Amino acid sequence: MTIKQRLMGMAGVGILLFLIIGGVGLFGLNLLDDSATDMRSKSQILANHLTADMMHDALSSDVMGALVARGTGDEQTLSLAKQAELEHSAVFREMLAANRTLITDEKTLEALEQVLPTLESYIASAERIIDLASANYQQAISALPAFRAAYNRLAEDMEQLTGLIDEGASEVHARAGEVAVLSKWLIAISFAVVGL
């Protein structure tokens, strides 16, 4: 075998090893990129859900604030409570609607769909009491048990949804760890092959 042939053979082996290492590296990077995308999506879903959950309590505060304001004759605070209720309801709906487009797991999506009518019933109950607080204080007070029942129903549905979202986030986090370990092993193996 001539020197030229040996050099060409060595160059060929070098190119082959370079392609192997590059291919393994790209494969590992793609795995990590997919994992990072999943993590970002799950984080956004969780952030949206936590914001929605805060609106659940914010609406309750709006109702109580409206009743207290009406009881003390504070019309300005009553007006502010109505405005706050509209804003909190809009945010609540917006966060759940956003998660409808982000959630891909069927079980979690089904739980979210179950929350939506309960949410609308809760918002309607809050609006009714705040409207009644202006027109008929006693009727507004009488509507409180129905509002509390709607609050509790929504709390139960939201709790179930929280569990499923947390479960999904934990699974993605675990997969990300596995992908990171796999990528390290692939790179280590490719370097070991090159060393041979």
N, C-alpha and C. Protein backbone atom coordinates (compact mmCIF):
# COMPACT_ATOMS: atom_id res chain seq x y z
N MET A 1 0.85 -1.19 0.00
CA MET A 1 0.00 0.00 0.00
C MET A 1 0.89 1.25 0.00
N THR A 2 0.60 2.13 -0.89
CA THR A 2 1.43 3.32 -1.03
C THR A 2 1.08 4.34 0.06
N ILE A 3 1.96 5.31 0.23
CA ILE A 3 1.75 6.36 1.23
C ILE A 3 0.48 7.15 0.88
N LYS A 4 0.28 7.38 -0.42
CA LYS A 4 -0.89 8.12 -0.86
C LYS A 4 -2.18 7.38 -0.47
N GLN A 5 -2.17 6.05 -0.68
CA GLN A 5 -3.34 5.25 -0.33
C GLN A 5 -3.61 5.27 1.17
N ARG A 6 -2.49 5.18 1.94
CA ARG A 6 -2.64 5.22 3.40
C ARG A 6 -3.21 6.55 3.86
N LEU A 7 -2.70 7.65 3.28
CA LEU A 7 -3.19 8.97 3.65
C LEU A 7 -4.67 9.13 3.28
N MET A 8 -5.02 8.61 2.09
CA MET A 8 -6.42 8.69 1.69
C MET A 8 -7.30 7.85 2.62
N GLY A 9 -6.80 6.69 3.02
CA GLY A 9 -7.54 5.82 3.96
C GLY A 9 -7.73 6.50 5.30
N MET A 10 -6.65 7.13 5.80
CA MET A 10 -6.74 7.83 7.08
C MET A 10 -7.71 9.02 6.99
N ALA A 11 -7.66 9.72 5.85
CA ALA A 11 -8.57 10.84 5.65
C ALA A 11 -10.02 10.34 5.62
N GLY A 12 -10.23 9.20 4.95
CA GLY A 12 -11.58 8.62 4.89
C GLY A 12 -12.08 8.24 6.26
N VAL A 13 -11.21 7.60 7.06
CA VAL A 13 -11.58 7.22 8.42
C VAL A 13 -11.88 8.47 9.25
N GLY A 14 -11.05 9.51 9.08
CA GLY A 14 -11.27 10.76 9.81
C GLY A 14 -12.61 11.39 9.46
N ILE A 15 -12.94 11.38 8.17
CA ILE A 15 -14.23 11.94 7.74
C ILE A 15 -15.38 11.12 8.31
N LEU A 16 -15.22 9.79 8.28
CA LEU A 16 -16.25 8.90 8.82
C LEU A 16 -16.48 9.16 10.30
N LEU A 17 -15.37 9.26 11.05
CA LEU A 17 -15.49 9.52 12.49
C LEU A 17 -16.10 10.89 12.75
N PHE A 18 -15.73 11.87 11.92
CA PHE A 18 -16.30 13.21 12.06
C PHE A 18 -17.81 13.16 11.83
N LEU A 19 -18.23 12.40 10.81
CA LEU A 19 -19.66 12.27 10.53
C LEU A 19 -20.40 11.56 11.66
N ILE A 20 -19.75 10.54 12.24
CA ILE A 20 -20.37 9.81 13.36
C ILE A 20 -20.57 10.75 14.55
N ILE A 21 -19.50 11.46 14.92
CA ILE A 21 -19.59 12.38 16.06
C ILE A 21 -20.60 13.49 15.78
N GLY A 22 -20.55 14.04 14.57
CA GLY A 22 -21.50 15.10 14.22
C GLY A 22 -22.93 14.60 14.24
N GLY A 23 -23.15 13.40 13.69
CA GLY A 23 -24.50 12.84 13.68
C GLY A 23 -25.02 12.58 15.07
N VAL A 24 -24.16 12.01 15.93
CA VAL A 24 -24.56 11.75 17.32
C VAL A 24 -24.86 13.07 18.03
N GLY A 25 -24.00 14.06 17.79
CA GLY A 25 -24.21 15.37 18.42
C GLY A 25 -25.52 16.01 17.99
N LEU A 26 -25.81 15.94 16.69
CA LEU A 26 -27.06 16.51 16.18
C LEU A 26 -28.28 15.78 16.73
N PHE A 27 -28.15 14.46 16.80
CA PHE A 27 -29.25 13.65 17.35
C PHE A 27 -29.51 14.05 18.80
N GLY A 28 -28.43 14.17 19.58
CA GLY A 28 -28.57 14.56 20.98
C GLY A 28 -29.15 15.95 21.13
N LEU A 29 -28.70 16.88 20.28
CA LEU A 29 -29.22 18.25 20.34
C LEU A 29 -30.70 18.29 19.99
N ASN A 30 -31.11 17.49 19.00
CA ASN A 30 -32.53 17.44 18.63
C ASN A 30 -33.38 16.91 19.78
N LEU A 31 -32.85 15.87 20.46
CA LEU A 31 -33.57 15.34 21.62
C LEU A 31 -33.72 16.40 22.70
N LEU A 32 -32.63 17.10 22.98
CA LEU A 32 -32.65 18.15 24.00
C LEU A 32 -33.58 19.30 23.61
N ASP A 33 -33.57 19.65 22.32
CA ASP A 33 -34.43 20.73 21.85
C ASP A 33 -35.90 20.36 22.00
N ASP A 34 -36.24 19.12 21.62
CA ASP A 34 -37.63 18.66 21.78
C ASP A 34 -38.04 18.67 23.25
N SER A 35 -37.12 18.24 24.10
CA SER A 35 -37.38 18.21 25.54
C SER A 35 -37.58 19.62 26.08
N ALA A 36 -36.74 20.56 25.63
CA ALA A 36 -36.87 21.95 26.09
C ALA A 36 -38.20 22.56 25.63
N THR A 37 -38.62 22.21 24.41
CA THR A 37 -39.90 22.71 23.90
C THR A 37 -41.04 22.19 24.76
N ASP A 38 -40.99 20.90 25.11
CA ASP A 38 -42.02 20.32 25.98
C ASP A 38 -42.04 21.01 27.34
N MET A 39 -40.85 21.27 27.88
CA MET A 39 -40.76 21.92 29.19
C MET A 39 -41.36 23.33 29.14
N ARG A 40 -41.05 24.06 28.07
CA ARG A 40 -41.61 25.42 27.93
C ARG A 40 -43.13 25.38 27.85
N SER A 41 -43.64 24.43 27.08
CA SER A 41 -45.10 24.31 26.93
C SER A 41 -45.76 23.97 28.26
N LYS A 42 -45.21 23.00 28.98
CA LYS A 42 -45.78 22.61 30.27
C LYS A 42 -45.68 23.74 31.28
N SER A 43 -44.59 24.49 31.24
CA SER A 43 -44.43 25.62 32.16
C SER A 43 -45.47 26.70 31.87
N GLN A 44 -45.74 26.93 30.60
CA GLN A 44 -46.75 27.92 30.22
C GLN A 44 -48.14 27.47 30.65
N ILE A 45 -48.43 26.19 30.46
CA ILE A 45 -49.72 25.64 30.88
C ILE A 45 -49.89 25.82 32.39
N LEU A 46 -48.84 25.49 33.14
CA LEU A 46 -48.91 25.62 34.60
C LEU A 46 -49.07 27.07 35.02
N ALA A 47 -48.34 27.97 34.38
CA ALA A 47 -48.45 29.40 34.70
C ALA A 47 -49.87 29.91 34.42
N ASN A 48 -50.42 29.51 33.27
CA ASN A 48 -51.79 29.92 32.93
C ASN A 48 -52.79 29.39 33.95
N HIS A 49 -52.59 28.14 34.34
CA HIS A 49 -53.51 27.51 35.28
C HIS A 49 -53.46 28.19 36.65
N LEU A 50 -52.25 28.51 37.10
CA LEU A 50 -52.11 29.18 38.40
C LEU A 50 -52.75 30.57 38.38
N THR A 51 -52.61 31.26 37.25
CA THR A 51 -53.26 32.57 37.11
C THR A 51 -54.77 32.42 37.15
N ALA A 52 -55.28 31.40 36.44
CA ALA A 52 -56.73 31.14 36.45
C ALA A 52 -57.20 30.82 37.86
N ASP A 53 -56.42 30.03 38.58
CA ASP A 53 -56.79 29.66 39.95
C ASP A 53 -56.85 30.89 40.86
N MET A 54 -55.96 31.85 40.63
CA MET A 54 -56.00 33.10 41.41
C MET A 54 -57.28 33.88 41.11
N MET A 55 -57.73 33.82 39.85
CA MET A 55 -58.96 34.52 39.49
C MET A 55 -60.18 33.91 40.18
N HIS A 56 -60.10 32.62 40.47
CA HIS A 56 -61.16 31.93 41.19
C HIS A 56 -61.41 32.63 42.53
N ASP A 57 -60.33 32.89 43.27
CA ASP A 57 -60.45 33.56 44.56
C ASP A 57 -60.70 35.06 44.40
N ALA A 58 -60.12 35.65 43.34
CA ALA A 58 -60.32 37.08 43.11
C ALA A 58 -61.81 37.39 42.89
N LEU A 59 -62.49 36.53 42.16
CA LEU A 59 -63.92 36.74 41.93
C LEU A 59 -64.72 36.67 43.23
N SER A 60 -64.32 35.76 44.09
CA SER A 60 -64.98 35.65 45.39
C SER A 60 -64.78 36.94 46.19
N SER A 61 -63.56 37.48 46.13
CA SER A 61 -63.27 38.74 46.82
C SER A 61 -64.09 39.89 46.23
N ASP A 62 -64.26 39.87 44.91
CA ASP A 62 -65.07 40.91 44.26
C ASP A 62 -66.51 40.89 44.79
N VAL A 63 -67.06 39.69 44.91
CA VAL A 63 -68.43 39.54 45.40
C VAL A 63 -68.54 40.05 46.83
N MET A 64 -67.61 39.62 47.69
CA MET A 64 -67.64 40.05 49.08
C MET A 64 -67.43 41.56 49.19
N GLY A 65 -66.54 42.08 48.36
CA GLY A 65 -66.28 43.52 48.36
C GLY A 65 -67.52 44.31 47.95
N ALA A 66 -68.25 43.79 46.96
CA ALA A 66 -69.47 44.46 46.51
C ALA A 66 -70.52 44.47 47.61
N LEU A 67 -70.66 43.36 48.31
CA LEU A 67 -71.66 43.29 49.38
C LEU A 67 -71.31 44.22 50.54
N VAL A 68 -70.03 44.25 50.90
CA VAL A 68 -69.60 45.15 51.97
C VAL A 68 -69.80 46.60 51.56
N ALA A 69 -69.44 46.91 50.30
CA ALA A 69 -69.60 48.28 49.81
C ALA A 69 -71.06 48.69 49.82
N ARG A 70 -71.94 47.79 49.39
CA ARG A 70 -73.39 48.09 49.39
C ARG A 70 -73.91 48.27 50.81
N GLY A 71 -73.40 47.42 51.72
CA GLY A 71 -73.84 47.50 53.12
C GLY A 71 -73.44 48.80 53.78
N THR A 72 -72.32 49.36 53.35
CA THR A 72 -71.85 50.62 53.94
C THR A 72 -72.24 51.83 53.10
N GLY A 73 -72.91 51.58 51.97
CA GLY A 73 -73.34 52.68 51.12
C GLY A 73 -72.22 53.31 50.30
N ASP A 74 -71.16 52.55 50.10
CA ASP A 74 -70.01 53.06 49.34
C ASP A 74 -70.20 52.72 47.86
N GLU A 75 -70.83 53.62 47.12
CA GLU A 75 -71.16 53.37 45.72
C GLU A 75 -69.92 53.29 44.84
N GLN A 76 -68.90 54.06 45.18
CA GLN A 76 -67.67 54.04 44.37
C GLN A 76 -66.98 52.67 44.45
N THR A 77 -66.87 52.13 45.66
CA THR A 77 -66.25 50.80 45.82
C THR A 77 -67.10 49.72 45.17
N LEU A 78 -68.42 49.89 45.23
CA LEU A 78 -69.33 48.94 44.56
C LEU A 78 -69.08 48.94 43.06
N SER A 79 -68.90 50.11 42.49
CA SER A 79 -68.62 50.24 41.07
C SER A 79 -67.27 49.61 40.72
N LEU A 80 -66.29 49.82 41.60
CA LEU A 80 -64.96 49.23 41.38
C LEU A 80 -65.01 47.71 41.46
N ALA A 81 -65.84 47.18 42.35
CA ALA A 81 -65.99 45.72 42.49
C ALA A 81 -66.56 45.13 41.20
N LYS A 82 -67.54 45.83 40.61
CA LYS A 82 -68.13 45.36 39.35
C LYS A 82 -67.09 45.37 38.24
N GLN A 83 -66.30 46.42 38.18
CA GLN A 83 -65.24 46.51 37.17
C GLN A 83 -64.19 45.41 37.36
N ALA A 84 -63.82 45.18 38.62
CA ALA A 84 -62.83 44.14 38.92
C ALA A 84 -63.36 42.76 38.55
N GLU A 85 -64.65 42.54 38.81
CA GLU A 85 -65.25 41.24 38.46
C GLU A 85 -65.18 40.98 36.96
N LEU A 86 -65.45 42.02 36.17
CA LEU A 86 -65.38 41.87 34.71
C LEU A 86 -63.95 41.55 34.26
N GLU A 87 -62.97 42.23 34.85
CA GLU A 87 -61.57 41.99 34.49
C GLU A 87 -61.13 40.59 34.91
N HIS A 88 -61.47 40.20 36.13
CA HIS A 88 -61.05 38.88 36.62
C HIS A 88 -61.72 37.75 35.83
N SER A 89 -62.99 37.94 35.48
CA SER A 89 -63.68 36.93 34.66
C SER A 89 -63.00 36.79 33.31
N ALA A 90 -62.62 37.92 32.71
CA ALA A 90 -61.98 37.89 31.39
C ALA A 90 -60.63 37.17 31.46
N VAL A 91 -59.86 37.45 32.50
CA VAL A 91 -58.55 36.78 32.65
C VAL A 91 -58.75 35.29 32.86
N PHE A 92 -59.72 34.92 33.70
CA PHE A 92 -60.00 33.51 33.97
C PHE A 92 -60.29 32.78 32.66
N ARG A 93 -61.20 33.34 31.87
CA ARG A 93 -61.56 32.71 30.60
C ARG A 93 -60.36 32.66 29.64
N GLU A 94 -59.61 33.74 29.62
CA GLU A 94 -58.45 33.82 28.72
C GLU A 94 -57.41 32.76 29.03
N MET A 95 -57.12 32.54 30.32
CA MET A 95 -56.11 31.56 30.71
C MET A 95 -56.55 30.14 30.36
N LEU A 96 -57.81 29.83 30.60
CA LEU A 96 -58.30 28.48 30.28
C LEU A 96 -58.38 28.27 28.77
N ALA A 97 -58.75 29.32 28.05
CA ALA A 97 -58.79 29.22 26.58
C ALA A 97 -57.38 29.01 26.03
N ALA A 98 -56.40 29.69 26.60
CA ALA A 98 -55.01 29.51 26.16
C ALA A 98 -54.57 28.08 26.40
N ASN A 99 -54.92 27.52 27.54
CA ASN A 99 -54.53 26.14 27.84
C ASN A 99 -55.23 25.12 26.95
N ARG A 100 -56.39 25.48 26.45
CA ARG A 100 -57.09 24.58 25.51
C ARG A 100 -56.25 24.35 24.26
N THR A 101 -55.50 25.37 23.87
CA THR A 101 -54.67 25.26 22.67
C THR A 101 -53.31 24.62 22.96
N LEU A 102 -52.89 24.64 24.23
CA LEU A 102 -51.56 24.13 24.59
C LEU A 102 -51.57 22.68 25.06
N ILE A 103 -52.64 22.28 25.72
CA ILE A 103 -52.69 20.92 26.29
C ILE A 103 -52.91 19.91 25.17
N THR A 104 -52.06 18.89 25.17
CA THR A 104 -52.16 17.83 24.15
C THR A 104 -52.63 16.50 24.75
N ASP A 105 -52.47 16.35 26.05
CA ASP A 105 -52.89 15.12 26.72
C ASP A 105 -54.42 15.06 26.78
N GLU A 106 -55.00 13.96 26.30
CA GLU A 106 -56.46 13.86 26.19
C GLU A 106 -57.16 13.90 27.54
N LYS A 107 -56.58 13.23 28.54
CA LYS A 107 -57.19 13.18 29.86
C LYS A 107 -57.23 14.57 30.49
N THR A 108 -56.13 15.31 30.35
CA THR A 108 -56.06 16.66 30.90
C THR A 108 -57.00 17.59 30.15
N LEU A 109 -57.05 17.45 28.85
CA LEU A 109 -57.94 18.28 28.03
C LEU A 109 -59.40 18.01 28.38
N GLU A 110 -59.71 16.76 28.63
CA GLU A 110 -61.08 16.39 29.03
C GLU A 110 -61.44 17.04 30.37
N ALA A 111 -60.48 17.04 31.30
CA ALA A 111 -60.71 17.68 32.61
C ALA A 111 -60.90 19.19 32.44
N LEU A 112 -60.15 19.79 31.53
CA LEU A 112 -60.29 21.22 31.27
C LEU A 112 -61.67 21.52 30.69
N GLU A 113 -62.13 20.68 29.76
CA GLU A 113 -63.46 20.87 29.16
C GLU A 113 -64.55 20.78 30.24
N GLN A 114 -64.31 19.95 31.23
CA GLN A 114 -65.27 19.80 32.32
C GLN A 114 -65.32 21.06 33.19
N VAL A 115 -64.19 21.75 33.30
CA VAL A 115 -64.11 22.97 34.11
C VAL A 115 -64.90 24.11 33.48
N LEU A 116 -64.91 24.20 32.15
CA LEU A 116 -65.46 25.37 31.45
C LEU A 116 -66.92 25.68 31.80
N PRO A 117 -67.85 24.71 31.75
CA PRO A 117 -69.23 25.06 32.13
C PRO A 117 -69.36 25.42 33.61
N THR A 118 -68.55 24.77 34.45
CA THR A 118 -68.56 25.11 35.88
C THR A 118 -68.08 26.53 36.09
N LEU A 119 -67.06 26.91 35.31
CA LEU A 119 -66.54 28.29 35.36
C LEU A 119 -67.62 29.29 34.98
N GLU A 120 -68.32 29.02 33.88
CA GLU A 120 -69.35 29.96 33.42
C GLU A 120 -70.47 30.09 34.45
N SER A 121 -70.82 29.00 35.09
CA SER A 121 -71.84 29.03 36.13
C SER A 121 -71.37 29.88 37.31
N TYR A 122 -70.12 29.75 37.66
CA TYR A 122 -69.53 30.51 38.77
C TYR A 122 -69.50 32.00 38.44
N ILE A 123 -69.05 32.33 37.24
CA ILE A 123 -68.99 33.74 36.83
C ILE A 123 -70.40 34.34 36.81
N ALA A 124 -71.36 33.59 36.28
CA ALA A 124 -72.74 34.09 36.23
C ALA A 124 -73.28 34.35 37.64
N SER A 125 -72.93 33.47 38.57
CA SER A 125 -73.37 33.63 39.95
C SER A 125 -72.75 34.88 40.58
N ALA A 126 -71.46 35.10 40.30
CA ALA A 126 -70.77 36.29 40.82
C ALA A 126 -71.40 37.56 40.24
N GLU A 127 -71.64 37.56 38.94
CA GLU A 127 -72.24 38.73 38.29
C GLU A 127 -73.63 39.02 38.86
N ARG A 128 -74.39 37.96 39.10
CA ARG A 128 -75.75 38.13 39.62
C ARG A 128 -75.74 38.81 40.99
N ILE A 129 -74.85 38.35 41.87
CA ILE A 129 -74.81 38.93 43.22
C ILE A 129 -74.37 40.39 43.16
N ILE A 130 -73.35 40.68 42.35
CA ILE A 130 -72.86 42.06 42.27
C ILE A 130 -73.93 42.97 41.68
N ASP A 131 -74.67 42.49 40.69
CA ASP A 131 -75.76 43.28 40.12
C ASP A 131 -76.87 43.48 41.15
N LEU A 132 -77.16 42.40 41.89
CA LEU A 132 -78.21 42.49 42.92
C LEU A 132 -77.80 43.41 44.06
N ALA A 133 -76.50 43.46 44.33
CA ALA A 133 -76.02 44.31 45.42
C ALA A 133 -76.42 45.76 45.17
N SER A 134 -76.46 46.15 43.91
CA SER A 134 -76.87 47.52 43.57
C SER A 134 -78.38 47.68 43.66
N ALA A 135 -79.12 46.67 43.23
CA ALA A 135 -80.58 46.81 43.11
C ALA A 135 -81.33 46.33 44.34
N ASN A 136 -80.93 45.18 44.89
CA ASN A 136 -81.66 44.59 46.01
C ASN A 136 -80.70 43.84 46.92
N TYR A 137 -80.27 44.51 47.96
CA TYR A 137 -79.24 43.97 48.85
C TYR A 137 -79.66 42.65 49.49
N GLN A 138 -80.90 42.54 49.92
CA GLN A 138 -81.36 41.32 50.58
C GLN A 138 -81.36 40.13 49.61
N GLN A 139 -81.75 40.37 48.37
CA GLN A 139 -81.70 39.29 47.38
C GLN A 139 -80.25 38.87 47.11
N ALA A 140 -79.36 39.84 47.12
CA ALA A 140 -77.94 39.54 46.91
C ALA A 140 -77.42 38.64 48.03
N ILE A 141 -77.80 38.96 49.27
CA ILE A 141 -77.41 38.13 50.41
C ILE A 141 -78.02 36.73 50.29
N SER A 142 -79.25 36.67 49.84
CA SER A 142 -79.94 35.38 49.69
C SER A 142 -79.28 34.51 48.61
N ALA A 143 -78.61 35.16 47.65
CA ALA A 143 -77.96 34.41 46.55
C ALA A 143 -76.59 33.86 46.95
N LEU A 144 -76.11 34.23 48.14
CA LEU A 144 -74.76 33.80 48.56
C LEU A 144 -74.59 32.28 48.65
N PRO A 145 -75.56 31.52 49.19
CA PRO A 145 -75.37 30.06 49.26
C PRO A 145 -75.15 29.42 47.89
N ALA A 146 -75.90 29.88 46.88
CA ALA A 146 -75.73 29.35 45.52
C ALA A 146 -74.34 29.72 44.99
N PHE A 147 -73.89 30.93 45.31
CA PHE A 147 -72.55 31.36 44.88
C PHE A 147 -71.48 30.50 45.55
N ARG A 148 -71.63 30.25 46.85
CA ARG A 148 -70.66 29.41 47.58
C ARG A 148 -70.62 28.01 46.99
N ALA A 149 -71.79 27.47 46.63
CA ALA A 149 -71.85 26.13 46.03
C ALA A 149 -71.12 26.11 44.69
N ALA A 150 -71.32 27.17 43.89
CA ALA A 150 -70.63 27.27 42.59
C ALA A 150 -69.12 27.40 42.81
N TYR A 151 -68.72 28.15 43.83
CA TYR A 151 -67.30 28.31 44.17
C TYR A 151 -66.69 26.94 44.49
N ASN A 152 -67.38 26.16 45.32
CA ASN A 152 -66.86 24.85 45.75
C ASN A 152 -66.79 23.86 44.59
N ARG A 153 -67.81 23.88 43.73
CA ARG A 153 -67.79 22.98 42.56
C ARG A 153 -66.60 23.29 41.67
N LEU A 154 -66.39 24.57 41.44
CA LEU A 154 -65.26 24.98 40.59
C LEU A 154 -63.94 24.64 41.26
N ALA A 155 -63.85 24.79 42.57
CA ALA A 155 -62.63 24.46 43.30
C ALA A 155 -62.28 22.97 43.12
N GLU A 156 -63.29 22.11 43.18
CA GLU A 156 -63.07 20.67 43.00
C GLU A 156 -62.58 20.36 41.59
N ASP A 157 -63.23 20.96 40.59
CA ASP A 157 -62.83 20.72 39.20
C ASP A 157 -61.42 21.25 38.93
N MET A 158 -61.12 22.43 39.49
CA MET A 158 -59.80 23.02 39.29
C MET A 158 -58.72 22.19 39.99
N GLU A 159 -59.05 21.64 41.14
CA GLU A 159 -58.09 20.80 41.87
C GLU A 159 -57.74 19.55 41.07
N GLN A 160 -58.75 18.94 40.47
CA GLN A 160 -58.50 17.76 39.63
C GLN A 160 -57.62 18.13 38.44
N LEU A 161 -57.92 19.26 37.83
CA LEU A 161 -57.13 19.72 36.68
C LEU A 161 -55.70 20.05 37.10
N THR A 162 -55.53 20.64 38.27
CA THR A 162 -54.19 20.95 38.78
C THR A 162 -53.36 19.68 38.91
N GLY A 163 -53.98 18.64 39.45
CA GLY A 163 -53.27 17.37 39.61
C GLY A 163 -52.78 16.81 38.29
N LEU A 164 -53.62 16.86 37.27
CA LEU A 164 -53.25 16.35 35.96
C LEU A 164 -52.15 17.19 35.31
N ILE A 165 -52.23 18.51 35.47
CA ILE A 165 -51.21 19.39 34.90
C ILE A 165 -49.87 19.16 35.61
N ASP A 166 -49.91 19.03 36.94
CA ASP A 166 -48.69 18.74 37.70
C ASP A 166 -48.07 17.41 37.28
N GLU A 167 -48.93 16.43 37.09
CA GLU A 167 -48.47 15.11 36.66
C GLU A 167 -47.78 15.18 35.30
N GLY A 168 -48.37 15.93 34.38
CA GLY A 168 -47.78 16.09 33.05
C GLY A 168 -46.45 16.81 33.11
N ALA A 169 -46.36 17.84 33.96
CA ALA A 169 -45.11 18.58 34.10
C ALA A 169 -44.02 17.69 34.69
N SER A 170 -44.38 16.86 35.65
CA SER A 170 -43.41 15.95 36.27
C SER A 170 -42.88 14.93 35.26
N GLU A 171 -43.79 14.43 34.42
CA GLU A 171 -43.38 13.46 33.39
C GLU A 171 -42.41 14.09 32.40
N VAL A 172 -42.69 15.32 31.98
CA VAL A 172 -41.80 16.01 31.04
C VAL A 172 -40.44 16.27 31.68
N HIS A 173 -40.45 16.65 32.96
CA HIS A 173 -39.20 16.90 33.68
C HIS A 173 -38.38 15.62 33.76
N ALA A 174 -39.03 14.51 34.05
CA ALA A 174 -38.33 13.22 34.13
C ALA A 174 -37.76 12.83 32.78
N ARG A 175 -38.55 13.04 31.70
CA ARG A 175 -38.07 12.72 30.35
C ARG A 175 -36.88 13.59 29.99
N ALA A 176 -36.91 14.85 30.41
CA ALA A 176 -35.79 15.76 30.11
C ALA A 176 -34.50 15.25 30.74
N GLY A 177 -34.62 14.75 31.97
CA GLY A 177 -33.45 14.18 32.64
C GLY A 177 -32.93 12.96 31.90
N GLU A 178 -33.85 12.10 31.45
CA GLU A 178 -33.44 10.89 30.71
C GLU A 178 -32.77 11.26 29.40
N VAL A 179 -33.30 12.27 28.72
CA VAL A 179 -32.73 12.72 27.44
C VAL A 179 -31.32 13.27 27.66
N ALA A 180 -31.15 14.03 28.73
CA ALA A 180 -29.82 14.59 29.02
C ALA A 180 -28.81 13.49 29.26
N VAL A 181 -29.20 12.48 30.03
CA VAL A 181 -28.30 11.35 30.31
C VAL A 181 -28.00 10.59 29.02
N LEU A 182 -29.02 10.34 28.20
CA LEU A 182 -28.83 9.63 26.94
C LEU A 182 -27.88 10.39 26.02
N SER A 183 -28.05 11.71 25.95
CA SER A 183 -27.18 12.53 25.10
C SER A 183 -25.72 12.43 25.56
N LYS A 184 -25.51 12.46 26.86
CA LYS A 184 -24.14 12.34 27.39
C LYS A 184 -23.54 10.99 27.03
N TRP A 185 -24.34 9.94 27.17
CA TRP A 185 -23.84 8.60 26.85
C TRP A 185 -23.51 8.48 25.36
N LEU A 186 -24.37 9.02 24.52
CA LEU A 186 -24.13 8.94 23.08
C LEU A 186 -22.83 9.65 22.70
N ILE A 187 -22.62 10.82 23.30
CA ILE A 187 -21.39 11.57 23.01
C ILE A 187 -20.17 10.81 23.53
N ALA A 188 -20.30 10.25 24.74
CA ALA A 188 -19.18 9.48 25.31
C ALA A 188 -18.84 8.27 24.46
N ILE A 189 -19.88 7.57 24.00
CA ILE A 189 -19.66 6.38 23.16
C ILE A 189 -19.01 6.77 21.84
N SER A 190 -19.47 7.89 21.26
CA SER A 190 -18.89 8.30 19.98
C SER A 190 -17.41 8.66 20.14
N PHE A 191 -17.04 9.30 21.25
CA PHE A 191 -15.64 9.60 21.49
C PHE A 191 -14.83 8.33 21.74
N ALA A 192 -15.48 7.37 22.41
CA ALA A 192 -14.80 6.09 22.66
C ALA A 192 -14.52 5.38 21.34
N VAL A 193 -15.49 5.44 20.42
CA VAL A 193 -15.30 4.82 19.11
C VAL A 193 -14.16 5.51 18.36
N VAL A 194 -14.11 6.83 18.46
CA VAL A 194 -13.04 7.57 17.81
C VAL A 194 -11.69 7.19 18.38
N GLY A 195 -11.67 6.98 19.70
CA GLY A 195 -10.42 6.61 20.36
C GLY A 195 -9.89 5.27 19.92
N LEU A 196 -10.81 4.39 19.50
CA LEU A 196 -10.38 3.08 19.02
C LEU A 196 -9.73 3.20 17.66
